[in-house]
Amino acid sequence: MQGMRPITEAHVTEPGLAVVEVAAADEQTAFAIQELLAAQWAIAPADRTTHEPGEPGVRLRCHLDLRQQATPA
């Protein structure tokens, strides 16, 4: 994907670590999905989406740690 850096081994070095890529029709939907993930687990959230010319919708990538529960806001 041109607008995003490649996923590296460091992103998934241990069980419980994941890179989640969301494809959605619009930014609002992509960020809503990210919020749902953040309500359950610790994440390194994305602050922007990307759009590839000629591709439908937008994409968002966040890093998820299933080993940690989300901290209450």
Protein backbone atom coordinates (compact mmCIF):
# COMPACT_ATOMS: atom_id res chain seq x y z
CA MET A 1 0.00 0.00 0.00
CA GLN A 2 1.55 3.25 -1.11
CA GLY A 3 0.33 5.53 1.73
CA MET A 4 1.32 3.22 4.59
CA ARG A 5 4.65 1.91 5.76
CA PRO A 6 5.19 -1.86 5.52
CA ILE A 7 4.34 -4.05 8.49
CA THR A 8 7.60 -5.21 10.06
CA GLU A 9 8.53 -8.11 12.30
CA ALA A 10 8.74 -5.66 15.24
CA HIS A 11 4.99 -5.04 14.98
CA VAL A 12 4.18 -8.71 15.62
CA THR A 13 7.11 -9.98 17.70
CA GLU A 14 4.97 -11.80 20.27
CA PRO A 15 1.62 -13.58 20.47
CA GLY A 16 -1.09 -11.05 21.28
CA LEU A 17 0.34 -8.26 19.13
CA ALA A 18 -1.44 -7.46 15.88
CA VAL A 19 -1.65 -4.90 13.14
CA VAL A 20 -5.25 -4.17 12.21
CA GLU A 21 -6.03 -2.61 8.87
CA VAL A 22 -9.53 -1.22 8.39
CA ALA A 23 -11.00 -0.53 4.98
CA ALA A 24 -14.11 1.64 5.12
CA ALA A 25 -16.26 3.85 2.93
CA ASP A 26 -15.29 6.98 4.86
CA GLU A 27 -13.09 8.34 7.65
CA GLN A 28 -15.94 8.49 10.16
CA THR A 29 -16.57 4.75 9.80
CA ALA A 30 -12.87 3.85 9.97
CA PHE A 31 -12.37 5.87 13.16
CA ALA A 32 -15.54 4.37 14.69
CA ILE A 33 -14.08 0.88 14.19
CA GLN A 34 -10.82 2.02 15.79
CA GLU A 35 -12.79 3.35 18.80
CA LEU A 36 -14.52 -0.03 19.20
CA LEU A 37 -11.12 -1.75 19.30
CA ALA A 38 -9.74 0.84 21.74
CA ALA A 39 -12.65 0.21 24.11
CA GLN A 40 -11.51 -3.40 24.54
CA TRP A 41 -7.74 -3.50 24.15
CA ALA A 42 -4.66 -1.33 24.28
CA ILE A 43 -3.95 0.15 20.86
CA ALA A 44 -1.59 2.55 19.21
CA PRO A 45 -4.26 4.50 17.32
CA ALA A 46 -3.97 5.99 13.88
CA ASP A 47 -4.52 9.73 13.61
CA ARG A 48 -5.35 9.73 9.91
CA THR A 49 -6.64 7.56 7.13
CA THR A 50 -5.17 7.04 3.68
CA HIS A 51 -6.83 6.96 0.30
CA GLU A 52 -5.24 5.35 -2.73
CA PRO A 53 -6.18 6.95 -6.04
CA GLY A 54 -8.43 4.63 -8.02
CA GLU A 55 -9.33 2.59 -4.90
CA PRO A 56 -12.69 2.91 -3.14
CA GLY A 57 -12.95 4.29 0.40
CA VAL A 58 -10.20 4.86 2.93
CA ARG A 59 -7.85 2.71 5.01
CA LEU A 60 -6.68 3.02 8.59
CA ARG A 61 -4.02 0.98 10.36
CA CYS A 62 -3.64 0.63 14.12
CA HIS A 63 -1.48 -1.57 16.33
CA LEU A 64 -3.31 -3.77 18.83
CA ASP A 65 -2.08 -5.46 22.01
CA LEU A 66 -4.50 -8.20 23.07
CA ARG A 67 -2.41 -8.83 26.19
CA GLN A 68 -3.59 -5.53 27.73
CA GLN A 69 -7.13 -4.45 28.49
CA ALA A 70 -8.12 -0.91 27.57
CA THR A 71 -7.54 1.63 30.31
CA PRO A 72 -10.70 3.46 31.41
CA ALA A 73 -10.95 7.01 30.10
